[in-house]
N, C-alpha and C. Protein backbone atom coordinates (compact mmCIF):
# COMPACT_ATOMS: atom_id res chain seq x y z
N UNK A 1 8.55 -14.35 86.29
CA UNK A 1 9.37 -13.36 85.67
C UNK A 1 9.87 -13.86 84.31
N UNK A 2 10.17 -14.93 84.16
CA UNK A 2 10.61 -15.50 82.87
C UNK A 2 9.39 -15.70 81.83
N UNK A 3 8.28 -16.13 82.52
CA UNK A 3 7.22 -16.22 81.72
C UNK A 3 6.49 -14.95 81.12
N UNK A 4 6.71 -13.93 81.94
CA UNK A 4 6.22 -12.55 81.69
C UNK A 4 7.04 -12.07 80.42
N UNK A 5 8.45 -12.31 80.51
CA UNK A 5 9.41 -12.16 79.43
C UNK A 5 9.18 -12.73 78.12
N UNK A 6 8.77 -13.97 78.36
CA UNK A 6 8.36 -14.90 77.09
C UNK A 6 7.14 -14.40 76.33
N UNK A 7 6.12 -14.00 77.19
CA UNK A 7 4.77 -13.57 76.58
C UNK A 7 5.08 -12.30 75.79
N UNK A 8 6.08 -11.39 76.49
CA UNK A 8 6.27 -10.13 75.70
C UNK A 8 6.99 -10.24 74.41
N UNK A 9 8.14 -11.32 74.54
CA UNK A 9 8.78 -11.53 73.30
C UNK A 9 7.81 -11.97 72.20
N UNK A 10 6.91 -12.96 72.71
CA UNK A 10 6.14 -13.47 71.71
C UNK A 10 5.15 -12.59 71.15
N UNK A 11 4.59 -11.56 71.82
CA UNK A 11 3.71 -10.33 71.49
C UNK A 11 4.49 -9.70 70.49
N UNK A 12 5.76 -9.57 70.70
CA UNK A 12 6.67 -8.64 69.74
C UNK A 12 6.72 -9.26 68.35
N UNK A 13 6.94 -10.70 68.47
CA UNK A 13 7.13 -11.39 67.20
C UNK A 13 5.69 -11.43 66.59
N UNK A 14 4.89 -11.59 67.15
CA UNK A 14 3.50 -11.60 66.46
C UNK A 14 3.14 -10.31 65.88
N UNK A 15 3.52 -9.05 66.49
CA UNK A 15 3.33 -7.89 65.85
C UNK A 15 4.14 -7.68 64.62
N UNK A 16 5.45 -8.25 64.73
CA UNK A 16 6.22 -8.18 63.62
C UNK A 16 5.98 -9.03 62.44
N UNK A 17 5.24 -10.17 62.46
CA UNK A 17 4.66 -10.91 61.65
C UNK A 17 3.54 -10.23 61.05
N UNK A 18 2.50 -9.48 61.83
CA UNK A 18 1.56 -8.87 61.57
C UNK A 18 1.85 -7.87 60.61
N UNK A 19 2.82 -6.92 61.09
CA UNK A 19 3.15 -5.74 60.32
C UNK A 19 3.75 -6.36 58.87
N UNK A 20 4.42 -7.42 58.96
CA UNK A 20 5.11 -7.64 57.52
C UNK A 20 3.91 -8.20 56.66
N UNK A 21 3.01 -9.17 57.33
CA UNK A 21 1.75 -9.42 56.64
C UNK A 21 0.92 -8.24 55.88
N UNK A 22 0.97 -7.30 56.70
CA UNK A 22 0.01 -5.86 56.27
C UNK A 22 0.72 -5.35 55.24
N UNK A 23 2.12 -5.32 55.36
CA UNK A 23 3.00 -4.52 54.37
C UNK A 23 2.83 -5.38 53.07
N UNK A 24 3.13 -6.75 52.95
CA UNK A 24 2.82 -7.44 51.72
C UNK A 24 1.53 -7.34 51.28
N UNK A 25 0.55 -7.22 51.88
CA UNK A 25 -0.74 -7.29 51.34
C UNK A 25 -0.77 -5.99 50.59
N UNK A 26 -0.60 -4.89 51.21
CA UNK A 26 -0.37 -3.41 50.57
C UNK A 26 0.41 -3.37 49.38
N UNK A 27 1.54 -4.08 49.53
CA UNK A 27 2.60 -3.98 48.40
C UNK A 27 1.86 -4.79 47.11
N UNK A 28 1.10 -5.96 47.37
CA UNK A 28 0.41 -6.63 46.43
C UNK A 28 -0.56 -5.87 45.80
N UNK A 29 -1.43 -5.30 46.78
CA UNK A 29 -2.76 -4.47 46.38
C UNK A 29 -2.24 -3.50 45.31
N UNK A 30 -1.13 -2.76 45.74
CA UNK A 30 -0.67 -1.69 44.83
C UNK A 30 0.03 -2.04 43.51
N UNK A 31 0.61 -3.20 43.43
CA UNK A 31 1.25 -3.70 42.39
C UNK A 31 0.02 -4.19 41.35
N UNK A 32 -1.07 -4.98 41.91
CA UNK A 32 -2.31 -5.24 41.01
C UNK A 32 -2.96 -4.20 40.64
N UNK A 33 -3.17 -3.00 41.23
CA UNK A 33 -3.59 -1.86 40.96
C UNK A 33 -2.96 -1.15 39.66
N UNK A 34 -1.55 -1.30 39.98
CA UNK A 34 -0.75 -0.79 38.85
C UNK A 34 -0.72 -1.35 37.38
N UNK A 35 -0.73 -2.77 37.59
CA UNK A 35 -0.97 -3.73 36.33
C UNK A 35 -2.30 -3.46 35.68
N UNK A 36 -3.42 -3.22 36.50
CA UNK A 36 -4.69 -2.93 36.11
C UNK A 36 -4.68 -1.62 35.36
N UNK A 37 -4.05 -0.59 35.85
CA UNK A 37 -3.94 0.76 35.22
C UNK A 37 -3.21 0.66 33.76
N UNK A 38 -2.26 0.10 34.12
CA UNK A 38 -1.30 -0.08 32.76
C UNK A 38 -2.10 -0.92 31.70
N UNK A 39 -2.72 -1.94 32.03
CA UNK A 39 -3.58 -2.66 31.00
C UNK A 39 -4.70 -1.68 30.39
N UNK A 40 -5.36 -1.21 31.27
CA UNK A 40 -6.61 -0.15 30.86
C UNK A 40 -5.84 0.86 29.91
N UNK A 41 -4.77 1.61 30.18
CA UNK A 41 -4.31 2.52 29.31
C UNK A 41 -3.84 1.82 28.08
N UNK A 42 -3.29 0.81 28.02
CA UNK A 42 -2.86 -0.23 26.75
C UNK A 42 -4.06 -0.26 25.97
N UNK A 43 -5.13 -0.82 26.50
CA UNK A 43 -6.32 -1.19 25.91
C UNK A 43 -6.96 -0.06 25.09
N UNK A 44 -6.85 1.00 26.01
CA UNK A 44 -7.40 2.46 25.44
C UNK A 44 -6.35 2.96 24.03
N UNK A 45 -5.24 2.67 24.39
CA UNK A 45 -4.23 3.12 23.25
C UNK A 45 -4.55 2.26 21.97
N UNK A 46 -4.81 0.89 22.07
CA UNK A 46 -4.96 0.01 21.08
C UNK A 46 -6.29 0.10 20.34
N UNK A 47 -7.14 0.43 21.16
CA UNK A 47 -8.60 0.96 20.52
C UNK A 47 -8.41 2.17 19.81
N UNK A 48 -7.77 3.20 20.33
CA UNK A 48 -7.76 4.35 19.50
C UNK A 48 -6.97 4.26 18.23
N UNK A 49 -5.76 3.52 18.10
CA UNK A 49 -5.21 3.38 16.93
C UNK A 49 -6.06 2.48 16.16
N UNK A 50 -6.72 1.44 16.64
CA UNK A 50 -7.61 0.62 15.60
C UNK A 50 -8.55 1.70 15.02
N UNK A 51 -9.27 2.73 15.86
CA UNK A 51 -10.06 3.50 15.44
C UNK A 51 -9.50 4.49 14.26
N UNK A 52 -8.35 4.96 14.42
CA UNK A 52 -7.69 5.73 13.48
C UNK A 52 -7.51 5.11 12.12
N UNK A 53 -6.74 3.80 12.37
CA UNK A 53 -6.61 3.14 11.27
C UNK A 53 -7.71 2.70 10.40
N UNK A 54 -8.92 2.47 11.01
CA UNK A 54 -10.12 2.06 10.52
C UNK A 54 -10.86 3.37 9.79
N UNK A 55 -10.76 4.37 10.40
CA UNK A 55 -11.26 5.47 9.73
C UNK A 55 -10.47 5.99 8.50
N UNK A 56 -9.29 5.64 8.62
CA UNK A 56 -8.26 6.19 7.45
C UNK A 56 -8.71 5.06 6.02
N UNK A 57 -8.80 3.90 6.51
CA UNK A 57 -9.26 2.80 5.58
C UNK A 57 -10.59 3.11 4.91
N UNK A 58 -11.50 3.55 5.87
CA UNK A 58 -12.90 3.79 5.46
C UNK A 58 -13.00 4.96 4.35
N UNK A 59 -12.26 6.22 4.93
CA UNK A 59 -12.25 7.17 4.14
C UNK A 59 -11.58 6.93 2.79
N UNK A 60 -10.49 6.24 2.72
CA UNK A 60 -9.74 5.82 1.50
C UNK A 60 -10.87 5.00 0.65
N UNK A 61 -11.40 4.06 1.25
CA UNK A 61 -12.30 3.24 0.29
C UNK A 61 -13.55 3.86 -0.30
N UNK A 62 -14.05 4.94 0.59
CA UNK A 62 -15.16 5.55 0.02
C UNK A 62 -14.80 6.79 -0.93
N UNK A 63 -13.62 6.97 -1.08
CA UNK A 63 -13.00 8.09 -1.85
C UNK A 63 -13.15 9.40 -1.17
N UNK A 64 -13.22 9.55 -0.06
CA UNK A 64 -13.25 11.05 0.64
C UNK A 64 -11.75 11.22 0.74
N UNK A 65 -11.29 12.37 -0.10
CA UNK A 65 -10.11 12.65 0.04
C UNK A 65 -9.84 14.40 0.35
N UNK A 66 -10.85 15.16 0.20
CA UNK A 66 -10.68 16.66 0.67
C UNK A 66 -10.73 16.64 2.23
N UNK A 67 -9.91 17.72 2.64
CA UNK A 67 -9.82 17.95 4.17
C UNK A 67 -11.31 18.38 4.66
N UNK A 68 -12.01 19.04 3.77
CA UNK A 68 -13.42 19.37 4.23
C UNK A 68 -14.36 18.31 4.38
N UNK A 69 -14.27 17.40 3.42
CA UNK A 69 -15.02 16.20 3.46
C UNK A 69 -14.59 15.34 4.81
N UNK A 70 -13.38 15.30 5.08
CA UNK A 70 -12.83 14.47 6.04
C UNK A 70 -13.26 15.22 7.37
N UNK A 71 -13.30 16.48 7.55
CA UNK A 71 -13.71 17.28 8.63
C UNK A 71 -15.09 16.92 9.00
N UNK A 72 -16.09 17.07 7.94
CA UNK A 72 -17.53 16.86 7.88
C UNK A 72 -17.62 15.48 8.45
N UNK A 73 -17.07 14.59 8.03
CA UNK A 73 -17.21 13.01 8.38
C UNK A 73 -16.84 12.98 10.03
N UNK A 74 -15.82 13.58 10.36
CA UNK A 74 -15.39 13.25 11.71
C UNK A 74 -16.39 14.13 12.41
N UNK A 75 -16.85 15.19 12.23
CA UNK A 75 -17.91 15.98 12.82
C UNK A 75 -19.10 15.18 13.16
N UNK A 76 -19.56 14.69 11.90
CA UNK A 76 -20.80 13.62 12.19
C UNK A 76 -20.55 12.47 13.14
N UNK A 77 -19.30 11.70 12.76
CA UNK A 77 -18.93 10.61 13.63
C UNK A 77 -18.94 10.97 15.21
N UNK A 78 -18.43 12.25 15.41
CA UNK A 78 -18.27 12.73 16.80
C UNK A 78 -19.83 12.85 17.32
N UNK A 79 -20.55 13.50 16.42
CA UNK A 79 -21.91 13.62 17.07
C UNK A 79 -22.73 12.24 17.26
N UNK A 80 -22.50 11.33 16.26
CA UNK A 80 -23.21 10.21 16.49
C UNK A 80 -22.56 9.28 17.68
N UNK A 81 -21.40 9.47 17.97
CA UNK A 81 -20.89 8.84 19.20
C UNK A 81 -21.34 9.47 20.52
N UNK A 82 -22.05 10.58 20.60
CA UNK A 82 -22.44 10.98 21.83
C UNK A 82 -23.85 10.28 22.37
N UNK A 83 -23.81 9.91 23.56
CA UNK A 83 -24.66 9.08 24.03
C UNK A 83 -25.98 9.76 24.19
N UNK A 84 -26.27 10.97 24.47
CA UNK A 84 -27.45 11.55 24.68
C UNK A 84 -28.14 12.18 23.40
N UNK A 85 -27.25 11.93 22.21
CA UNK A 85 -27.79 12.60 21.08
C UNK A 85 -28.55 11.33 20.31
N UNK A 86 -29.74 11.79 19.60
CA UNK A 86 -30.24 10.76 18.85
C UNK A 86 -30.39 11.36 17.44
N UNK A 87 -29.56 10.55 16.57
CA UNK A 87 -29.39 11.08 15.28
C UNK A 87 -29.39 10.03 14.12
N UNK A 88 -30.00 10.36 13.08
CA UNK A 88 -29.95 9.43 11.83
C UNK A 88 -29.37 10.43 10.70
N UNK A 89 -28.62 9.54 9.88
CA UNK A 89 -27.99 10.30 8.67
C UNK A 89 -28.65 9.41 7.56
N UNK A 90 -29.44 10.39 6.60
CA UNK A 90 -30.10 9.74 5.50
C UNK A 90 -29.61 10.55 4.23
N UNK A 91 -29.78 9.91 3.06
CA UNK A 91 -29.42 10.69 2.00
C UNK A 91 -30.49 10.88 0.83
N UNK A 92 -30.45 12.05 0.34
CA UNK A 92 -31.54 12.31 -0.43
C UNK A 92 -31.46 11.71 -1.96
N UNK A 93 -32.50 11.38 -2.64
CA UNK A 93 -32.32 10.93 -3.90
C UNK A 93 -33.16 12.04 -4.72
N UNK A 94 -32.91 11.94 -6.11
CA UNK A 94 -33.55 12.84 -6.92
C UNK A 94 -34.96 13.00 -6.82
N UNK A 95 -35.62 11.60 -6.58
CA UNK A 95 -37.00 11.38 -6.50
C UNK A 95 -37.60 12.04 -5.04
N UNK A 96 -36.68 12.34 -4.12
CA UNK A 96 -37.37 12.62 -2.91
C UNK A 96 -37.17 14.14 -2.72
N UNK A 97 -36.70 14.89 -3.81
CA UNK A 97 -36.92 16.35 -3.57
C UNK A 97 -38.01 16.92 -4.43
N UNK A 98 -38.68 17.77 -3.82
CA UNK A 98 -39.78 18.56 -4.51
C UNK A 98 -39.19 19.61 -5.33
N UNK A 99 -39.47 19.47 -6.53
CA UNK A 99 -38.95 20.64 -7.60
C UNK A 99 -40.13 21.62 -7.78
N UNK A 100 -39.69 22.77 -7.80
CA UNK A 100 -40.55 24.07 -8.22
C UNK A 100 -40.28 24.77 -9.48
N UNK A 101 -41.29 25.05 -10.12
CA UNK A 101 -41.14 25.75 -11.40
C UNK A 101 -40.41 26.88 -11.28
N UNK A 102 -39.64 27.31 -12.29
CA UNK A 102 -38.78 28.72 -12.28
C UNK A 102 -39.73 29.70 -12.66
N UNK A 103 -39.65 30.92 -11.80
CA UNK A 103 -40.50 31.84 -12.03
C UNK A 103 -40.07 32.91 -12.95
């Protein structure tokens, strides 16, 4: 009788320890997931801020000041950032244009 009672008490204690362990593991996993998500969000924010600042510095350095030119630059940059699009930007010089005689 006493041995049976001791086994049941031991089983209850083991179950309590197991439940506490599972709870601790779930809590730690959730906290780690939260830390990763926050770090990822912060990294994206820093990357976005750097991209904005870099674009502003680039536009200022090359003298692009009008809104139309800024919009065109942003459009071209957006197109170039697309993975499935293959695009090259080139510049025409006076020598690369075929001139026709006025009629």
